[in-house]
Amino acid sequence: MVAQIMIAALGVVAIWFSQSKRLKVRRYACLFGMAGQPFWFWSSINAEQWGIVLLSCFYTVAWAKGIKTHWIDHKPDTQH
């Protein structure tokens, strides 16, 4: 039950933030998305849903790309 609540809460925030017009908000989407990944993995492995486990791997890579783009390679002086 806890995993489902966390998946829903973190997922909704990540999606909502990813659609923001403001870059300062949008850049947080990947952090919330990545924070939800352990719950996806735990839930899907526990339920033996191997397709969802594989999909979670792809989502993790996508969220990691967002973290690299918006946090690691981010240059504050080029922000709009």
PDB file of N, CA and C in Angstrom:
ATOM      1  N   MET A   1       0.815  -1.194   0.000  1.00  0.00           N
ATOM      2  CA  MET A   1       0.000   0.000   0.000  1.00  0.00           C
ATOM      3  C   MET A   1       0.862   1.264   0.000  1.00  0.00           C
ATOM      4  N   VAL A   2       1.939   1.250   0.800  1.00  0.00           N
ATOM      5  CA  VAL A   2       2.831   2.408   0.854  1.00  0.00           C
ATOM      6  C   VAL A   2       3.467   2.650  -0.512  1.00  0.00           C
ATOM      7  N   ALA A   3       3.901   1.571  -1.168  1.00  0.00           N
ATOM      8  CA  ALA A   3       4.524   1.712  -2.486  1.00  0.00           C
ATOM      9  C   ALA A   3       3.550   2.332  -3.479  1.00  0.00           C
ATOM     10  N   GLN A   4       2.300   1.908  -3.456  1.00  0.00           N
ATOM     11  CA  GLN A   4       1.304   2.458  -4.380  1.00  0.00           C
ATOM     12  C   GLN A   4       1.070   3.938  -4.136  1.00  0.00           C
ATOM     13  N   ILE A   5       1.022   4.333  -2.873  1.00  0.00           N
ATOM     14  CA  ILE A   5       0.830   5.750  -2.541  1.00  0.00           C
ATOM     15  C   ILE A   5       2.025   6.570  -3.022  1.00  0.00           C
ATOM     16  N   MET A   6       3.226   6.067  -2.786  1.00  0.00           N
ATOM     17  CA  MET A   6       4.426   6.788  -3.208  1.00  0.00           C
ATOM     18  C   MET A   6       4.541   6.855  -4.727  1.00  0.00           C
ATOM     19  N   ILE A   7       4.214   5.764  -5.413  1.00  0.00           N
ATOM     20  CA  ILE A   7       4.230   5.764  -6.877  1.00  0.00           C
ATOM     21  C   ILE A   7       3.272   6.826  -7.398  1.00  0.00           C
ATOM     22  N   ALA A   8       2.075   6.857  -6.854  1.00  0.00           N
ATOM     23  CA  ALA A   8       1.073   7.824  -7.306  1.00  0.00           C
ATOM     24  C   ALA A   8       1.499   9.256  -6.993  1.00  0.00           C
ATOM     25  N   ALA A   9       1.898   9.509  -5.758  1.00  0.00           N
ATOM     26  CA  ALA A   9       2.238  10.878  -5.346  1.00  0.00           C
ATOM     27  C   ALA A   9       3.447  11.413  -6.110  1.00  0.00           C
ATOM     28  N   LEU A  10       4.525  10.641  -6.135  1.00  0.00           N
ATOM     29  CA  LEU A  10       5.734  11.101  -6.811  1.00  0.00           C
ATOM     30  C   LEU A  10       5.540  11.179  -8.321  1.00  0.00           C
ATOM     31  N   GLY A  11       4.794  10.238  -8.873  1.00  0.00           N
ATOM     32  CA  GLY A  11       4.532  10.248 -10.312  1.00  0.00           C
ATOM     33  C   GLY A  11       3.712  11.441 -10.754  1.00  0.00           C
ATOM     34  N   VAL A  12       2.674  11.758 -10.000  1.00  0.00           N
ATOM     35  CA  VAL A  12       1.827  12.907 -10.344  1.00  0.00           C
ATOM     36  C   VAL A  12       2.627  14.202 -10.266  1.00  0.00           C
ATOM     37  N   VAL A  13       3.427  14.354  -9.217  1.00  0.00           N
ATOM     38  CA  VAL A  13       4.243  15.571  -9.094  1.00  0.00           C
ATOM     39  C   VAL A  13       5.242  15.656 -10.246  1.00  0.00           C
ATOM     40  N   ALA A  14       5.897  14.549 -10.579  1.00  0.00           N
ATOM     41  CA  ALA A  14       6.872  14.543 -11.675  1.00  0.00           C
ATOM     42  C   ALA A  14       6.221  14.931 -12.997  1.00  0.00           C
ATOM     43  N   ILE A  15       5.075  14.366 -13.281  1.00  0.00           N
ATOM     44  CA  ILE A  15       4.381  14.688 -14.533  1.00  0.00           C
ATOM     45  C   ILE A  15       3.931  16.143 -14.531  1.00  0.00           C
ATOM     46  N   TRP A  16       3.365  16.594 -13.414  1.00  0.00           N
ATOM     47  CA  TRP A  16       2.877  17.977 -13.312  1.00  0.00           C
ATOM     48  C   TRP A  16       4.029  18.966 -13.508  1.00  0.00           C
ATOM     49  N   PHE A  17       5.131  18.716 -12.811  1.00  0.00           N
ATOM     50  CA  PHE A  17       6.280  19.616 -12.919  1.00  0.00           C
ATOM     51  C   PHE A  17       6.884  19.582 -14.319  1.00  0.00           C
ATOM     52  N   SER A  18       6.877  18.432 -14.971  1.00  0.00           N
ATOM     53  CA  SER A  18       7.486  18.322 -16.303  1.00  0.00           C
ATOM     54  C   SER A  18       6.756  19.159 -17.345  1.00  0.00           C
ATOM     55  N   GLN A  19       5.518  19.535 -17.051  1.00  0.00           N
ATOM     56  CA  GLN A  19       4.730  20.320 -17.997  1.00  0.00           C
ATOM     57  C   GLN A  19       4.689  21.803 -17.641  1.00  0.00           C
ATOM     58  N   SER A  20       5.447  22.207 -16.644  1.00  0.00           N
ATOM     59  CA  SER A  20       5.459  23.605 -16.225  1.00  0.00           C
ATOM     60  C   SER A  20       6.114  24.485 -17.287  1.00  0.00           C
ATOM     61  N   LYS A  21       5.624  25.698 -17.414  1.00  0.00           N
ATOM     62  CA  LYS A  21       6.242  26.670 -18.319  1.00  0.00           C
ATOM     63  C   LYS A  21       7.540  27.218 -17.726  1.00  0.00           C
ATOM     64  N   ARG A  22       7.675  27.106 -16.419  1.00  0.00           N
ATOM     65  CA  ARG A  22       8.843  27.653 -15.728  1.00  0.00           C
ATOM     66  C   ARG A  22       9.938  26.600 -15.590  1.00  0.00           C
ATOM     67  N   LEU A  23      11.110  26.902 -16.120  1.00  0.00           N
ATOM     68  CA  LEU A  23      12.243  25.978 -16.055  1.00  0.00           C
ATOM     69  C   LEU A  23      12.622  25.660 -14.614  1.00  0.00           C
ATOM     70  N   LYS A  24      12.511  26.656 -13.729  1.00  0.00           N
ATOM     71  CA  LYS A  24      12.872  26.439 -12.326  1.00  0.00           C
ATOM     72  C   LYS A  24      11.994  25.373 -11.678  1.00  0.00           C
ATOM     73  N   VAL A  25      10.772  25.210 -12.157  1.00  0.00           N
ATOM     74  CA  VAL A  25       9.877  24.158 -11.664  1.00  0.00           C
ATOM     75  C   VAL A  25      10.122  22.873 -12.447  1.00  0.00           C
ATOM     76  N   ARG A  26      10.216  22.988 -13.764  1.00  0.00           N
ATOM     77  CA  ARG A  26      10.354  21.829 -14.641  1.00  0.00           C
ATOM     78  C   ARG A  26      11.582  20.987 -14.301  1.00  0.00           C
ATOM     79  N   ARG A  27      12.650  21.629 -13.861  1.00  0.00           N
ATOM     80  CA  ARG A  27      13.878  20.881 -13.584  1.00  0.00           C
ATOM     81  C   ARG A  27      13.741  19.949 -12.384  1.00  0.00           C
ATOM     82  N   TYR A  28      12.734  20.155 -11.547  1.00  0.00           N
ATOM     83  CA  TYR A  28      12.515  19.277 -10.388  1.00  0.00           C
ATOM     84  C   TYR A  28      11.766  17.993 -10.758  1.00  0.00           C
ATOM     85  N   ALA A  29      11.185  17.943 -11.939  1.00  0.00           N
ATOM     86  CA  ALA A  29      10.415  16.763 -12.353  1.00  0.00           C
ATOM     87  C   ALA A  29      11.257  15.493 -12.285  1.00  0.00           C
ATOM     88  N   CYS A  30      12.479  15.572 -12.772  1.00  0.00           N
ATOM     89  CA  CYS A  30      13.336  14.381 -12.784  1.00  0.00           C
ATOM     90  C   CYS A  30      13.675  13.902 -11.374  1.00  0.00           C
ATOM     91  N   LEU A  31      13.767  14.808 -10.428  1.00  0.00           N
ATOM     92  CA  LEU A  31      14.066  14.404  -9.047  1.00  0.00           C
ATOM     93  C   LEU A  31      12.900  13.633  -8.435  1.00  0.00           C
ATOM     94  N   PHE A  32      11.683  14.124  -8.668  1.00  0.00           N
ATOM     95  CA  PHE A  32      10.510  13.416  -8.156  1.00  0.00           C
ATOM     96  C   PHE A  32      10.313  12.097  -8.893  1.00  0.00           C
ATOM     97  N   GLY A  33      10.549  12.102 -10.211  1.00  0.00           N
ATOM     98  CA  GLY A  33      10.437  10.871 -10.983  1.00  0.00           C
ATOM     99  C   GLY A  33      11.421   9.816 -10.518  1.00  0.00           C
ATOM    100  N   MET A  34      12.666  10.229 -10.305  1.00  0.00           N
ATOM    101  CA  MET A  34      13.687   9.288  -9.846  1.00  0.00           C
ATOM    102  C   MET A  34      13.383   8.797  -8.436  1.00  0.00           C
ATOM    103  N   ALA A  35      12.843   9.664  -7.602  1.00  0.00           N
ATOM    104  CA  ALA A  35      12.502   9.261  -6.227  1.00  0.00           C
ATOM    105  C   ALA A  35      11.437   8.169  -6.209  1.00  0.00           C
ATOM    106  N   GLY A  36      10.613   8.113  -7.243  1.00  0.00           N
ATOM    107  CA  GLY A  36       9.577   7.093  -7.321  1.00  0.00           C
ATOM    108  C   GLY A  36      10.063   5.749  -7.826  1.00  0.00           C
ATOM    109  N   GLN A  37      11.222   5.720  -8.454  1.00  0.00           N
ATOM    110  CA  GLN A  37      11.698   4.488  -9.077  1.00  0.00           C
ATOM    111  C   GLN A  37      11.913   3.327  -8.104  1.00  0.00           C
ATOM    112  N   PRO A  38      12.475   3.530  -6.929  1.00  0.00           N
ATOM    113  CA  PRO A  38      12.614   2.379  -6.016  1.00  0.00           C
ATOM    114  C   PRO A  38      11.264   1.724  -5.688  1.00  0.00           C
ATOM    115  N   PHE A  39      10.217   2.526  -5.601  1.00  0.00           N
ATOM    116  CA  PHE A  39       8.888   1.981  -5.313  1.00  0.00           C
ATOM    117  C   PHE A  39       8.358   1.185  -6.504  1.00  0.00           C
ATOM    118  N   TRP A  40       8.641   1.667  -7.722  1.00  0.00           N
ATOM    119  CA  TRP A  40       8.267   0.917  -8.917  1.00  0.00           C
ATOM    120  C   TRP A  40       8.988  -0.427  -8.942  1.00  0.00           C
ATOM    121  N   PHE A  41      10.295  -0.397  -8.692  1.00  0.00           N
ATOM    122  CA  PHE A  41      11.066  -1.643  -8.710  1.00  0.00           C
ATOM    123  C   PHE A  41      10.583  -2.611  -7.638  1.00  0.00           C
ATOM    124  N   TRP A  42      10.427  -2.133  -6.423  1.00  0.00           N
ATOM    125  CA  TRP A  42       9.990  -3.002  -5.330  1.00  0.00           C
ATOM    126  C   TRP A  42       8.627  -3.614  -5.641  1.00  0.00           C
ATOM    127  N   SER A  43       7.707  -2.782  -6.087  1.00  0.00           N
ATOM    128  CA  SER A  43       6.345  -3.247  -6.354  1.00  0.00           C
ATOM    129  C   SER A  43       6.305  -4.254  -7.502  1.00  0.00           C
ATOM    130  N   SER A  44       7.010  -3.946  -8.589  1.00  0.00           N
ATOM    131  CA  SER A  44       6.954  -4.833  -9.755  1.00  0.00           C
ATOM    132  C   SER A  44       7.725  -6.135  -9.531  1.00  0.00           C
ATOM    133  N   ILE A  45       8.840  -6.084  -8.832  1.00  0.00           N
ATOM    134  CA  ILE A  45       9.579  -7.316  -8.522  1.00  0.00           C
ATOM    135  C   ILE A  45       8.773  -8.182  -7.563  1.00  0.00           C
ATOM    136  N   ASN A  46       8.186  -7.556  -6.558  1.00  0.00           N
ATOM    137  CA  ASN A  46       7.368  -8.280  -5.586  1.00  0.00           C
ATOM    138  C   ASN A  46       6.180  -8.979  -6.258  1.00  0.00           C
ATOM    139  N   ALA A  47       5.623  -8.346  -7.288  1.00  0.00           N
ATOM    140  CA  ALA A  47       4.479  -8.918  -8.005  1.00  0.00           C
ATOM    141  C   ALA A  47       4.913  -9.783  -9.196  1.00  0.00           C
ATOM    142  N   GLU A  48       6.230  -9.910  -9.388  1.00  0.00           N
ATOM    143  CA  GLU A  48       6.786 -10.671 -10.510  1.00  0.00           C
ATOM    144  C   GLU A  48       6.256 -10.184 -11.857  1.00  0.00           C
ATOM    145  N   GLN A  49       6.165  -8.883 -12.000  1.00  0.00           N
ATOM    146  CA  GLN A  49       5.748  -8.262 -13.262  1.00  0.00           C
ATOM    147  C   GLN A  49       7.010  -7.815 -14.000  1.00  0.00           C
ATOM    148  N   TRP A  50       7.617  -8.751 -14.702  1.00  0.00           N
ATOM    149  CA  TRP A  50       8.934  -8.529 -15.283  1.00  0.00           C
ATOM    150  C   TRP A  50       8.922  -7.495 -16.395  1.00  0.00           C
ATOM    151  N   GLY A  51       7.831  -7.352 -17.083  1.00  0.00           N
ATOM    152  CA  GLY A  51       7.729  -6.306 -18.106  1.00  0.00           C
ATOM    153  C   GLY A  51       7.780  -4.921 -17.484  1.00  0.00           C
ATOM    154  N   ILE A  52       7.140  -4.761 -16.335  1.00  0.00           N
ATOM    155  CA  ILE A  52       7.164  -3.483 -15.622  1.00  0.00           C
ATOM    156  C   ILE A  52       8.556  -3.233 -15.050  1.00  0.00           C
ATOM    157  N   VAL A  53       9.250  -4.286 -14.622  1.00  0.00           N
ATOM    158  CA  VAL A  53      10.631  -4.131 -14.157  1.00  0.00           C
ATOM    159  C   VAL A  53      11.490  -3.580 -15.294  1.00  0.00           C
ATOM    160  N   LEU A  54      11.358  -4.155 -16.477  1.00  0.00           N
ATOM    161  CA  LEU A  54      12.115  -3.683 -17.641  1.00  0.00           C
ATOM    162  C   LEU A  54      11.751  -2.236 -17.975  1.00  0.00           C
ATOM    163  N   LEU A  55      10.465  -1.937 -17.975  1.00  0.00           N
ATOM    164  CA  LEU A  55      10.015  -0.572 -18.240  1.00  0.00           C
ATOM    165  C   LEU A  55      10.572   0.393 -17.197  1.00  0.00           C
ATOM    166  N   SER A  56      10.628  -0.030 -15.955  1.00  0.00           N
ATOM    167  CA  SER A  56      11.185   0.798 -14.881  1.00  0.00           C
ATOM    168  C   SER A  56      12.660   1.106 -15.129  1.00  0.00           C
ATOM    169  N   CYS A  57      13.367   0.162 -15.717  1.00  0.00           N
ATOM    170  CA  CYS A  57      14.773   0.409 -16.074  1.00  0.00           C
ATOM    171  C   CYS A  57      14.880   1.545 -17.081  1.00  0.00           C
ATOM    172  N   PHE A  58      14.022   1.529 -18.089  1.00  0.00           N
ATOM    173  CA  PHE A  58      14.034   2.599 -19.094  1.00  0.00           C
ATOM    174  C   PHE A  58      13.647   3.944 -18.484  1.00  0.00           C
ATOM    175  N   TYR A  59      12.643   3.941 -17.619  1.00  0.00           N
ATOM    176  CA  TYR A  59      12.247   5.175 -16.935  1.00  0.00           C
ATOM    177  C   TYR A  59      13.386   5.710 -16.075  1.00  0.00           C
ATOM    178  N   THR A  60      14.105   4.819 -15.404  1.00  0.00           N
ATOM    179  CA  THR A  60      15.224   5.242 -14.565  1.00  0.00           C
ATOM    180  C   THR A  60      16.295   5.929 -15.404  1.00  0.00           C
ATOM    181  N   VAL A  61      16.595   5.369 -16.566  1.00  0.00           N
ATOM    182  CA  VAL A  61      17.574   5.988 -17.463  1.00  0.00           C
ATOM    183  C   VAL A  61      17.078   7.357 -17.928  1.00  0.00           C
ATOM    184  N   ALA A  62      15.799   7.462 -18.256  1.00  0.00           N
ATOM    185  CA  ALA A  62      15.238   8.746 -18.697  1.00  0.00           C
ATOM    186  C   ALA A  62      15.296   9.792 -17.591  1.00  0.00           C
ATOM    187  N   TRP A  63      14.927   9.411 -16.365  1.00  0.00           N
ATOM    188  CA  TRP A  63      15.000  10.357 -15.243  1.00  0.00           C
ATOM    189  C   TRP A  63      16.451  10.731 -14.969  1.00  0.00           C
ATOM    190  N   ALA A  64      17.374   9.782 -15.100  1.00  0.00           N
ATOM    191  CA  ALA A  64      18.801  10.073 -14.903  1.00  0.00           C
ATOM    192  C   ALA A  64      19.293  11.084 -15.933  1.00  0.00           C
ATOM    193  N   LYS A  65      18.802  10.966 -17.151  1.00  0.00           N
ATOM    194  CA  LYS A  65      19.160  11.940 -18.193  1.00  0.00           C
ATOM    195  C   LYS A  65      18.683  13.331 -17.792  1.00  0.00           C
ATOM    196  N   GLY A  66      17.483  13.415 -17.230  1.00  0.00           N
ATOM    197  CA  GLY A  66      16.970  14.696 -16.756  1.00  0.00           C
ATOM    198  C   GLY A  66      17.817  15.267 -15.636  1.00  0.00           C
ATOM    199  N   ILE A  67      18.265  14.411 -14.731  1.00  0.00           N
ATOM    200  CA  ILE A  67      19.131  14.874 -13.638  1.00  0.00           C
ATOM    201  C   ILE A  67      20.452  15.394 -14.195  1.00  0.00           C
ATOM    202  N   LYS A  68      21.002  14.674 -15.154  1.00  0.00           N
ATOM    203  CA  LYS A  68      22.254  15.130 -15.777  1.00  0.00           C
ATOM    204  C   LYS A  68      22.041  16.466 -16.477  1.00  0.00           C
ATOM    205  N   THR A  69      20.968  16.588 -17.230  1.00  0.00           N
ATOM    206  CA  THR A  69      20.693  17.807 -17.985  1.00  0.00           C
ATOM    207  C   THR A  69      20.396  18.997 -17.086  1.00  0.00           C
ATOM    208  N   HIS A  70      19.516  18.808 -16.117  1.00  0.00           N
ATOM    209  CA  HIS A  70      19.024  19.935 -15.319  1.00  0.00           C
ATOM    210  C   HIS A  70      19.810  20.210 -14.043  1.00  0.00           C
ATOM    211  N   TRP A  71      20.645  19.266 -13.603  1.00  0.00           N
ATOM    212  CA  TRP A  71      21.361  19.457 -12.340  1.00  0.00           C
ATOM    213  C   TRP A  71      22.870  19.343 -12.478  1.00  0.00           C
ATOM    214  N   ILE A  72      23.363  18.356 -13.205  1.00  0.00           N
ATOM    215  CA  ILE A  72      24.813  18.161 -13.300  1.00  0.00           C
ATOM    216  C   ILE A  72      25.425  19.095 -14.339  1.00  0.00           C
ATOM    217  N   ASP A  73      24.835  19.141 -15.536  1.00  0.00           N
ATOM    218  CA  ASP A  73      25.359  19.983 -16.614  1.00  0.00           C
ATOM    219  C   ASP A  73      24.749  21.378 -16.617  1.00  0.00           C
ATOM    220  N   HIS A  74      23.888  21.670 -15.665  1.00  0.00           N
ATOM    221  CA  HIS A  74      23.139  22.937 -15.615  1.00  0.00           C
ATOM    222  C   HIS A  74      24.072  24.127 -15.403  1.00  0.00           C
ATOM    223  N   LYS A  75      23.889  25.163 -16.225  1.00  0.00           N
ATOM    224  CA  LYS A  75      24.645  26.400 -16.093  1.00  0.00           C
ATOM    225  C   LYS A  75      23.662  27.522 -15.777  1.00  0.00           C
ATOM    226  N   PRO A  76      23.647  28.017 -14.550  1.00  0.00           N
ATOM    227  CA  PRO A  76      22.662  29.031 -14.137  1.00  0.00           C
ATOM    228  C   PRO A  76      22.660  30.289 -14.995  1.00  0.00           C
ATOM    229  N   ASP A  77      23.815  30.683 -15.543  1.00  0.00           N
ATOM    230  CA  ASP A  77      23.871  31.922 -16.315  1.00  0.00           C
ATOM    231  C   ASP A  77      23.218  31.800 -17.690  1.00  0.00           C
ATOM    232  N   THR A  78      22.902  30.586 -18.165  1.00  0.00           N
ATOM    233  CA  THR A  78      22.257  30.416 -19.467  1.00  0.00           C
ATOM    234  C   THR A  78      20.757  30.198 -19.337  1.00  0.00           C
ATOM    235  N   GLN A  79      20.248  30.315 -18.120  1.00  0.00           N
ATOM    236  CA  GLN A  79      18.820  30.092 -17.870  1.00  0.00           C
ATOM    237  C   GLN A  79      17.988  31.241 -18.426  1.00  0.00           C
ATOM    238  N   HIS A  80      16.777  30.938 -18.890  1.00  0.00           N
ATOM    239  CA  HIS A  80      15.870  31.977 -19.406  1.00  0.00           C
ATOM    240  C   HIS A  80      14.920  32.411 -18.338  1.00  0.00           C
TER     241      HIS A  80
END
